[in-house]
Amino acid sequence: MARELLRRLSLPLTALVIGAFLSGFFVHLLYGRWSGEPPCAEPSAGVSAGAPAASANGPPLVDVMEVERLRELAGVMARVRGRVFRVGHSSKSNTYFLDFGPSRSAFTAVIFSSTVDAFLRENAHPKQFQGKEVELIGRIKDDPKYGLEMILESPAQIKVLP
């Protein structure tokens, strides 16, 4: 009788234990990703030994392809260099997105509608950056929903490289 009961409960019990483990694992991942605090929220908290140090020229310089280094610098002022793969535009919100790669996980510079006029006044229409090698300066953000990005609030934050 006890063996019969144990045999009947073993499969559901095993499934329950595995389900509880997976649930805990996913909660752990989600909490780490969306806890609201970037890993290096304080500039003074420093950057790991592998990340570039700030130079006499200003904030550290990172290539857009160095995703882990960009993540390490989340919340910190940095210079980011790379080729703009595509410039997207949301007509609904008049926001421009300078994507540095073909996938959604690529680094993105965002120009909100409140700043677009400043770019236009400086003859720096966001569409003109498509395909160009640029250097951005600003605070790197690791947004839980949108990934690694930098908000451009002024045309002075972007420079086309030769």
N, C-alpha and C. Protein backbone atom coordinates (compact mmCIF):
# COMPACT_ATOMS: atom_id res chain seq x y z
N MET A 1 0.82 -1.19 0.00
CA MET A 1 0.00 0.00 0.00
C MET A 1 0.87 1.27 0.00
N ALA A 2 1.87 1.29 0.88
CA ALA A 2 2.75 2.45 0.96
C ALA A 2 3.56 2.59 -0.33
N ARG A 3 4.01 1.45 -0.86
CA ARG A 3 4.76 1.49 -2.13
C ARG A 3 3.89 2.02 -3.26
N GLU A 4 2.66 1.57 -3.29
CA GLU A 4 1.72 2.03 -4.33
C GLU A 4 1.53 3.55 -4.23
N LEU A 5 1.34 4.05 -3.03
CA LEU A 5 1.16 5.49 -2.81
C LEU A 5 2.42 6.25 -3.21
N LEU A 6 3.58 5.74 -2.82
CA LEU A 6 4.85 6.38 -3.16
C LEU A 6 5.05 6.40 -4.67
N ARG A 7 4.71 5.31 -5.35
CA ARG A 7 4.83 5.24 -6.78
C ARG A 7 3.92 6.25 -7.47
N ARG A 8 2.70 6.41 -6.96
CA ARG A 8 1.75 7.37 -7.54
C ARG A 8 2.18 8.82 -7.32
N LEU A 9 2.81 9.08 -6.20
CA LEU A 9 3.20 10.45 -5.88
C LEU A 9 4.57 10.83 -6.43
N SER A 10 5.38 9.87 -6.80
CA SER A 10 6.75 10.19 -7.21
C SER A 10 6.80 11.08 -8.45
N LEU A 11 6.02 10.82 -9.45
CA LEU A 11 6.05 11.64 -10.66
C LEU A 11 5.53 13.05 -10.39
N PRO A 12 4.36 13.23 -9.77
CA PRO A 12 3.90 14.60 -9.47
C PRO A 12 4.84 15.33 -8.51
N LEU A 13 5.41 14.61 -7.54
CA LEU A 13 6.32 15.23 -6.59
C LEU A 13 7.60 15.68 -7.30
N THR A 14 8.11 14.85 -8.20
CA THR A 14 9.29 15.22 -8.97
C THR A 14 9.00 16.44 -9.84
N ALA A 15 7.86 16.45 -10.49
CA ALA A 15 7.48 17.60 -11.32
C ALA A 15 7.34 18.86 -10.47
N LEU A 16 6.79 18.73 -9.27
CA LEU A 16 6.63 19.87 -8.37
C LEU A 16 7.98 20.42 -7.94
N VAL A 17 8.91 19.55 -7.59
CA VAL A 17 10.25 19.99 -7.17
C VAL A 17 10.97 20.69 -8.33
N ILE A 18 10.91 20.11 -9.51
CA ILE A 18 11.55 20.72 -10.68
C ILE A 18 10.89 22.07 -10.99
N GLY A 19 9.57 22.13 -10.93
CA GLY A 19 8.86 23.38 -11.18
C GLY A 19 9.23 24.46 -10.17
N ALA A 20 9.34 24.08 -8.90
CA ALA A 20 9.73 25.05 -7.86
C ALA A 20 11.14 25.56 -8.10
N PHE A 21 12.04 24.65 -8.48
CA PHE A 21 13.41 25.06 -8.76
C PHE A 21 13.46 26.05 -9.93
N LEU A 22 12.78 25.71 -11.02
CA LEU A 22 12.78 26.59 -12.20
C LEU A 22 12.14 27.94 -11.89
N SER A 23 11.06 27.93 -11.10
CA SER A 23 10.41 29.19 -10.72
C SER A 23 11.38 30.06 -9.93
N GLY A 24 12.06 29.47 -8.98
CA GLY A 24 13.03 30.22 -8.18
C GLY A 24 14.16 30.76 -9.04
N PHE A 25 14.62 29.95 -9.97
CA PHE A 25 15.69 30.36 -10.86
C PHE A 25 15.28 31.56 -11.71
N PHE A 26 14.07 31.50 -12.29
CA PHE A 26 13.60 32.61 -13.12
C PHE A 26 13.34 33.87 -12.29
N VAL A 27 12.84 33.71 -11.09
CA VAL A 27 12.64 34.88 -10.21
C VAL A 27 13.99 35.52 -9.92
N HIS A 28 14.99 34.69 -9.67
CA HIS A 28 16.33 35.21 -9.42
C HIS A 28 16.84 36.01 -10.62
N LEU A 29 16.68 35.45 -11.82
CA LEU A 29 17.11 36.14 -13.03
C LEU A 29 16.36 37.45 -13.22
N LEU A 30 15.05 37.42 -13.08
CA LEU A 30 14.25 38.62 -13.27
C LEU A 30 14.57 39.68 -12.24
N TYR A 31 14.75 39.28 -11.00
CA TYR A 31 15.07 40.26 -9.96
C TYR A 31 16.40 40.93 -10.26
N GLY A 32 17.38 40.14 -10.67
CA GLY A 32 18.68 40.71 -11.01
C GLY A 32 18.61 41.64 -12.20
N ARG A 33 17.74 41.35 -13.13
CA ARG A 33 17.64 42.17 -14.34
C ARG A 33 16.79 43.42 -14.12
N TRP A 34 15.74 43.30 -13.30
CA TRP A 34 14.80 44.41 -13.14
C TRP A 34 14.71 44.96 -11.74
N SER A 35 15.76 44.87 -10.98
CA SER A 35 15.70 45.37 -9.61
C SER A 35 15.69 46.89 -9.56
N GLY A 36 15.97 47.54 -10.70
CA GLY A 36 15.90 49.00 -10.76
C GLY A 36 17.24 49.67 -10.54
N GLU A 37 18.20 49.00 -9.96
CA GLU A 37 19.51 49.58 -9.72
C GLU A 37 20.51 49.02 -10.72
N PRO A 38 21.13 49.88 -11.53
CA PRO A 38 22.16 49.37 -12.42
C PRO A 38 23.35 48.88 -11.60
N PRO A 39 24.15 47.96 -12.14
CA PRO A 39 25.26 47.41 -11.39
C PRO A 39 26.25 48.45 -10.90
N CYS A 40 26.47 49.51 -11.66
CA CYS A 40 27.42 50.55 -11.26
C CYS A 40 26.71 51.88 -11.25
N ALA A 41 25.75 52.06 -10.37
CA ALA A 41 24.95 53.28 -10.35
C ALA A 41 25.76 54.49 -9.97
N GLU A 42 26.77 54.33 -9.16
CA GLU A 42 27.58 55.45 -8.72
C GLU A 42 28.84 55.53 -9.55
N PRO A 43 29.13 56.69 -10.14
CA PRO A 43 30.37 56.81 -10.88
C PRO A 43 31.58 56.54 -9.99
N SER A 44 31.49 56.89 -8.71
CA SER A 44 32.61 56.68 -7.81
C SER A 44 32.75 55.22 -7.41
N ALA A 45 31.71 54.40 -7.71
CA ALA A 45 31.79 52.99 -7.36
C ALA A 45 32.88 52.31 -8.17
N GLY A 46 33.31 52.98 -9.21
CA GLY A 46 34.40 52.44 -10.00
C GLY A 46 33.93 51.42 -11.00
N VAL A 47 34.86 51.07 -11.83
CA VAL A 47 34.59 50.11 -12.87
C VAL A 47 35.59 48.99 -12.66
N SER A 48 35.21 47.79 -13.01
CA SER A 48 36.11 46.67 -12.78
C SER A 48 37.43 46.87 -13.51
N ALA A 49 38.41 46.11 -13.10
CA ALA A 49 39.76 46.27 -13.64
C ALA A 49 39.81 46.11 -15.15
N GLY A 50 38.88 45.35 -15.75
CA GLY A 50 38.90 45.12 -17.18
C GLY A 50 38.32 46.27 -17.98
N ALA A 51 37.60 47.19 -17.33
CA ALA A 51 36.96 48.28 -18.04
C ALA A 51 37.94 49.43 -18.22
N PRO A 52 37.70 50.24 -19.24
CA PRO A 52 38.61 51.34 -19.48
C PRO A 52 38.52 52.38 -18.39
N ALA A 53 39.63 52.96 -18.04
CA ALA A 53 39.63 54.01 -17.02
C ALA A 53 39.41 55.35 -17.72
N ALA A 54 38.91 56.31 -16.96
CA ALA A 54 38.73 57.65 -17.50
C ALA A 54 40.12 58.21 -17.81
N SER A 55 40.24 58.83 -18.94
CA SER A 55 41.53 59.38 -19.34
C SER A 55 41.52 60.88 -19.15
N ALA A 56 42.64 61.51 -19.47
CA ALA A 56 42.74 62.96 -19.38
C ALA A 56 41.77 63.61 -20.36
N ASN A 57 41.34 62.87 -21.40
CA ASN A 57 40.40 63.39 -22.39
C ASN A 57 38.96 63.33 -21.94
N GLY A 58 38.70 62.80 -20.75
CA GLY A 58 37.33 62.72 -20.27
C GLY A 58 36.94 61.30 -19.92
N PRO A 59 35.66 61.00 -20.09
CA PRO A 59 35.13 59.68 -19.72
C PRO A 59 35.77 58.56 -20.52
N PRO A 60 35.65 57.31 -20.03
CA PRO A 60 36.22 56.16 -20.75
C PRO A 60 35.62 56.00 -22.14
N LEU A 61 36.42 55.50 -23.06
CA LEU A 61 36.00 55.26 -24.44
C LEU A 61 35.76 53.77 -24.63
N VAL A 62 34.57 53.42 -25.16
CA VAL A 62 34.20 52.02 -25.36
C VAL A 62 33.63 51.86 -26.76
N ASP A 63 33.98 50.76 -27.41
CA ASP A 63 33.40 50.44 -28.71
C ASP A 63 32.02 49.82 -28.49
N VAL A 64 31.06 50.11 -29.36
CA VAL A 64 29.69 49.60 -29.21
C VAL A 64 29.61 48.08 -29.23
N MET A 65 30.60 47.43 -29.77
CA MET A 65 30.59 45.97 -29.83
C MET A 65 31.01 45.32 -28.51
N GLU A 66 31.57 46.11 -27.60
CA GLU A 66 32.03 45.59 -26.30
C GLU A 66 30.87 45.65 -25.30
N VAL A 67 29.92 44.76 -25.48
CA VAL A 67 28.67 44.78 -24.72
C VAL A 67 28.90 44.66 -23.22
N GLU A 68 29.77 43.76 -22.80
CA GLU A 68 30.00 43.58 -21.36
C GLU A 68 30.62 44.82 -20.75
N ARG A 69 31.53 45.46 -21.46
CA ARG A 69 32.13 46.70 -20.94
C ARG A 69 31.08 47.80 -20.85
N LEU A 70 30.17 47.85 -21.83
CA LEU A 70 29.09 48.83 -21.77
C LEU A 70 28.21 48.58 -20.55
N ARG A 71 27.90 47.31 -20.28
CA ARG A 71 27.09 46.96 -19.11
C ARG A 71 27.78 47.38 -17.82
N GLU A 72 29.10 47.19 -17.76
CA GLU A 72 29.86 47.58 -16.57
C GLU A 72 29.78 49.08 -16.34
N LEU A 73 29.62 49.84 -17.41
CA LEU A 73 29.59 51.30 -17.31
C LEU A 73 28.17 51.86 -17.20
N ALA A 74 27.18 51.01 -17.04
CA ALA A 74 25.80 51.50 -16.91
C ALA A 74 25.72 52.46 -15.73
N GLY A 75 25.11 53.61 -15.97
CA GLY A 75 24.98 54.62 -14.94
C GLY A 75 26.14 55.59 -14.89
N VAL A 76 27.14 55.38 -15.74
CA VAL A 76 28.35 56.19 -15.72
C VAL A 76 28.49 56.95 -17.04
N MET A 77 29.06 58.15 -16.97
CA MET A 77 29.36 58.89 -18.20
C MET A 77 30.45 58.16 -18.96
N ALA A 78 30.27 58.05 -20.27
CA ALA A 78 31.26 57.36 -21.10
C ALA A 78 31.20 57.91 -22.51
N ARG A 79 32.25 57.60 -23.27
CA ARG A 79 32.28 57.89 -24.69
C ARG A 79 32.10 56.55 -25.40
N VAL A 80 31.17 56.50 -26.33
CA VAL A 80 30.88 55.26 -27.06
C VAL A 80 31.11 55.52 -28.53
N ARG A 81 31.85 54.61 -29.17
CA ARG A 81 32.21 54.79 -30.57
C ARG A 81 31.74 53.59 -31.38
N GLY A 82 31.18 53.89 -32.57
CA GLY A 82 30.76 52.82 -33.46
C GLY A 82 30.04 53.36 -34.68
N ARG A 83 29.68 52.43 -35.58
CA ARG A 83 28.99 52.78 -36.81
C ARG A 83 27.48 52.61 -36.62
N VAL A 84 26.73 53.65 -37.00
CA VAL A 84 25.27 53.61 -36.90
C VAL A 84 24.75 52.69 -38.00
N PHE A 85 24.14 51.61 -37.60
CA PHE A 85 23.64 50.61 -38.53
C PHE A 85 22.36 51.09 -39.21
N ARG A 86 21.47 51.69 -38.39
CA ARG A 86 20.16 52.12 -38.91
C ARG A 86 19.63 53.23 -38.03
N VAL A 87 18.91 54.16 -38.63
CA VAL A 87 18.21 55.21 -37.87
C VAL A 87 16.72 54.95 -38.02
N GLY A 88 16.10 54.65 -36.89
CA GLY A 88 14.66 54.42 -36.89
C GLY A 88 13.93 55.65 -36.39
N HIS A 89 12.68 55.76 -36.77
CA HIS A 89 11.87 56.91 -36.35
C HIS A 89 10.48 56.45 -35.98
N SER A 90 10.00 56.90 -34.84
CA SER A 90 8.62 56.65 -34.44
C SER A 90 7.82 57.91 -34.75
N SER A 91 6.95 57.83 -35.75
CA SER A 91 6.15 59.00 -36.12
C SER A 91 5.14 59.32 -35.02
N LYS A 92 4.76 58.32 -34.27
CA LYS A 92 3.80 58.51 -33.19
C LYS A 92 4.36 59.43 -32.09
N SER A 93 5.64 59.21 -31.72
CA SER A 93 6.24 60.00 -30.64
C SER A 93 7.33 60.95 -31.14
N ASN A 94 7.60 60.96 -32.45
CA ASN A 94 8.67 61.76 -33.05
C ASN A 94 10.01 61.52 -32.34
N THR A 95 10.30 60.25 -32.08
CA THR A 95 11.55 59.85 -31.44
C THR A 95 12.41 59.13 -32.46
N TYR A 96 13.71 59.43 -32.45
CA TYR A 96 14.66 58.78 -33.34
C TYR A 96 15.51 57.79 -32.56
N PHE A 97 15.83 56.67 -33.20
CA PHE A 97 16.63 55.62 -32.60
C PHE A 97 17.83 55.33 -33.50
N LEU A 98 19.02 55.58 -33.01
CA LEU A 98 20.24 55.28 -33.75
C LEU A 98 20.70 53.90 -33.28
N ASP A 99 20.42 52.89 -34.09
CA ASP A 99 20.76 51.51 -33.75
C ASP A 99 22.17 51.19 -34.26
N PHE A 100 22.96 50.57 -33.39
CA PHE A 100 24.33 50.23 -33.75
C PHE A 100 24.49 48.76 -34.13
N GLY A 101 23.40 48.12 -34.49
CA GLY A 101 23.44 46.73 -34.92
C GLY A 101 22.08 46.32 -35.43
N PRO A 102 22.00 45.16 -36.08
CA PRO A 102 20.74 44.73 -36.70
C PRO A 102 19.71 44.19 -35.71
N SER A 103 20.13 43.79 -34.52
CA SER A 103 19.17 43.19 -33.59
C SER A 103 18.72 44.19 -32.53
N ARG A 104 17.64 43.83 -31.85
CA ARG A 104 17.12 44.69 -30.78
C ARG A 104 18.07 44.76 -29.59
N SER A 105 18.98 43.81 -29.49
CA SER A 105 19.91 43.79 -28.36
C SER A 105 21.11 44.71 -28.58
N ALA A 106 21.22 45.31 -29.76
CA ALA A 106 22.35 46.19 -30.06
C ALA A 106 22.20 47.51 -29.29
N PHE A 107 23.32 48.16 -29.05
CA PHE A 107 23.34 49.46 -28.39
C PHE A 107 22.54 50.46 -29.22
N THR A 108 21.81 51.35 -28.55
CA THR A 108 20.96 52.33 -29.24
C THR A 108 21.13 53.71 -28.60
N ALA A 109 21.21 54.73 -29.44
CA ALA A 109 21.15 56.11 -28.97
C ALA A 109 19.74 56.62 -29.26
N VAL A 110 19.14 57.29 -28.29
CA VAL A 110 17.75 57.73 -28.42
C VAL A 110 17.69 59.26 -28.41
N ILE A 111 16.96 59.80 -29.38
CA ILE A 111 16.73 61.25 -29.44
C ILE A 111 15.22 61.45 -29.33
N PHE A 112 14.79 61.92 -28.16
CA PHE A 112 13.36 62.12 -27.93
C PHE A 112 12.86 63.37 -28.64
N SER A 113 11.55 63.46 -28.84
CA SER A 113 10.95 64.57 -29.58
C SER A 113 11.29 65.92 -28.96
N SER A 114 11.47 65.97 -27.65
CA SER A 114 11.79 67.23 -26.98
C SER A 114 13.16 67.76 -27.39
N THR A 115 14.00 66.91 -27.97
CA THR A 115 15.35 67.30 -28.35
C THR A 115 15.54 67.39 -29.87
N VAL A 116 14.62 66.85 -30.63
CA VAL A 116 14.77 66.81 -32.09
C VAL A 116 14.97 68.21 -32.66
N ASP A 117 14.21 69.19 -32.18
CA ASP A 117 14.35 70.57 -32.69
C ASP A 117 15.77 71.11 -32.50
N ALA A 118 16.40 70.79 -31.38
CA ALA A 118 17.78 71.25 -31.15
C ALA A 118 18.72 70.65 -32.19
N PHE A 119 18.51 69.38 -32.56
CA PHE A 119 19.33 68.75 -33.60
C PHE A 119 19.08 69.42 -34.94
N LEU A 120 17.83 69.71 -35.25
CA LEU A 120 17.50 70.34 -36.53
C LEU A 120 18.08 71.75 -36.61
N ARG A 121 18.05 72.50 -35.52
CA ARG A 121 18.63 73.86 -35.51
C ARG A 121 20.13 73.83 -35.78
N GLU A 122 20.79 72.75 -35.38
CA GLU A 122 22.23 72.61 -35.58
C GLU A 122 22.56 71.91 -36.90
N ASN A 123 21.56 71.77 -37.79
CA ASN A 123 21.74 71.05 -39.06
C ASN A 123 22.29 69.64 -38.83
N ALA A 124 21.76 68.98 -37.83
CA ALA A 124 22.19 67.62 -37.50
C ALA A 124 20.96 66.72 -37.45
N HIS A 125 20.28 66.60 -38.60
CA HIS A 125 19.11 65.73 -38.65
C HIS A 125 19.54 64.31 -38.29
N PRO A 126 18.82 63.65 -37.39
CA PRO A 126 19.22 62.30 -36.97
C PRO A 126 19.43 61.32 -38.12
N LYS A 127 18.66 61.44 -39.22
CA LYS A 127 18.80 60.52 -40.36
C LYS A 127 20.19 60.60 -41.00
N GLN A 128 20.86 61.73 -40.87
CA GLN A 128 22.17 61.90 -41.51
C GLN A 128 23.26 61.03 -40.87
N PHE A 129 23.00 60.47 -39.69
CA PHE A 129 24.01 59.66 -39.01
C PHE A 129 24.03 58.21 -39.49
N GLN A 130 23.03 57.80 -40.26
CA GLN A 130 22.96 56.42 -40.72
C GLN A 130 24.20 56.06 -41.54
N GLY A 131 24.84 54.95 -41.17
CA GLY A 131 26.02 54.47 -41.87
C GLY A 131 27.30 55.18 -41.49
N LYS A 132 27.23 56.17 -40.62
CA LYS A 132 28.42 56.95 -40.24
C LYS A 132 29.04 56.39 -38.96
N GLU A 133 30.36 56.54 -38.89
CA GLU A 133 31.11 56.21 -37.67
C GLU A 133 30.99 57.44 -36.76
N VAL A 134 30.48 57.24 -35.54
CA VAL A 134 30.25 58.35 -34.64
C VAL A 134 30.83 58.06 -33.26
N GLU A 135 30.97 59.13 -32.49
CA GLU A 135 31.34 59.01 -31.08
C GLU A 135 30.29 59.76 -30.28
N LEU A 136 29.75 59.08 -29.28
CA LEU A 136 28.73 59.66 -28.41
C LEU A 136 29.34 59.88 -27.05
N ILE A 137 28.84 60.89 -26.35
CA ILE A 137 29.25 61.08 -24.97
C ILE A 137 27.99 61.27 -24.13
N GLY A 138 27.91 60.53 -23.05
CA GLY A 138 26.74 60.62 -22.18
C GLY A 138 26.71 59.47 -21.20
N ARG A 139 25.61 59.36 -20.51
CA ARG A 139 25.44 58.32 -19.50
C ARG A 139 24.85 57.07 -20.14
N ILE A 140 25.51 55.94 -19.96
CA ILE A 140 25.02 54.67 -20.49
C ILE A 140 23.92 54.17 -19.58
N LYS A 141 22.86 53.68 -20.18
CA LYS A 141 21.73 53.17 -19.43
C LYS A 141 21.47 51.73 -19.85
N ASP A 142 21.28 50.85 -18.87
CA ASP A 142 20.92 49.46 -19.17
C ASP A 142 19.46 49.31 -18.79
N ASP A 143 18.59 49.67 -19.72
CA ASP A 143 17.16 49.67 -19.48
C ASP A 143 16.63 48.24 -19.51
N PRO A 144 15.81 47.86 -18.51
CA PRO A 144 15.29 46.50 -18.47
C PRO A 144 14.47 46.13 -19.70
N LYS A 145 13.78 47.10 -20.27
CA LYS A 145 12.92 46.81 -21.42
C LYS A 145 13.65 46.99 -22.75
N TYR A 146 14.49 48.03 -22.85
CA TYR A 146 15.08 48.38 -24.14
C TYR A 146 16.56 48.02 -24.27
N GLY A 147 17.21 47.62 -23.22
CA GLY A 147 18.62 47.22 -23.29
C GLY A 147 19.57 48.39 -23.13
N LEU A 148 20.76 48.23 -23.66
CA LEU A 148 21.80 49.25 -23.53
C LEU A 148 21.51 50.42 -24.45
N GLU A 149 21.50 51.62 -23.86
CA GLU A 149 21.18 52.80 -24.64
C GLU A 149 21.81 54.04 -24.02
N MET A 150 21.79 55.11 -24.79
CA MET A 150 22.22 56.42 -24.32
C MET A 150 21.21 57.42 -24.83
N ILE A 151 20.72 58.27 -23.95
CA ILE A 151 19.77 59.31 -24.34
C ILE A 151 20.57 60.54 -24.76
N LEU A 152 20.35 61.00 -25.99
CA LEU A 152 21.03 62.19 -26.48
C LEU A 152 20.13 63.39 -26.26
N GLU A 153 20.59 64.32 -25.43
CA GLU A 153 19.80 65.50 -25.10
C GLU A 153 20.31 66.75 -25.80
N SER A 154 21.42 66.61 -26.52
CA SER A 154 22.02 67.75 -27.20
C SER A 154 22.82 67.26 -28.40
N PRO A 155 22.86 68.05 -29.48
CA PRO A 155 23.69 67.67 -30.64
C PRO A 155 25.18 67.62 -30.28
N ALA A 156 25.58 68.29 -29.22
CA ALA A 156 26.99 68.28 -28.79
C ALA A 156 27.42 66.90 -28.30
N GLN A 157 26.47 66.02 -28.04
CA GLN A 157 26.79 64.68 -27.53
C GLN A 157 27.18 63.69 -28.62
N ILE A 158 27.06 64.10 -29.89
CA ILE A 158 27.39 63.19 -30.99
C ILE A 158 28.34 63.88 -31.96
N LYS A 159 29.36 63.14 -32.37
CA LYS A 159 30.35 63.68 -33.28
C LYS A 159 30.58 62.64 -34.38
N VAL A 160 30.50 63.08 -35.64
CA VAL A 160 30.80 62.19 -36.76
C VAL A 160 32.31 62.11 -36.89
N LEU A 161 32.82 60.88 -36.97
CA LEU A 161 34.27 60.68 -37.08
C LEU A 161 34.68 60.62 -38.55
N PRO A 162 35.91 61.03 -38.83
CA PRO A 162 36.41 60.99 -40.22
C PRO A 162 36.61 59.58 -40.72
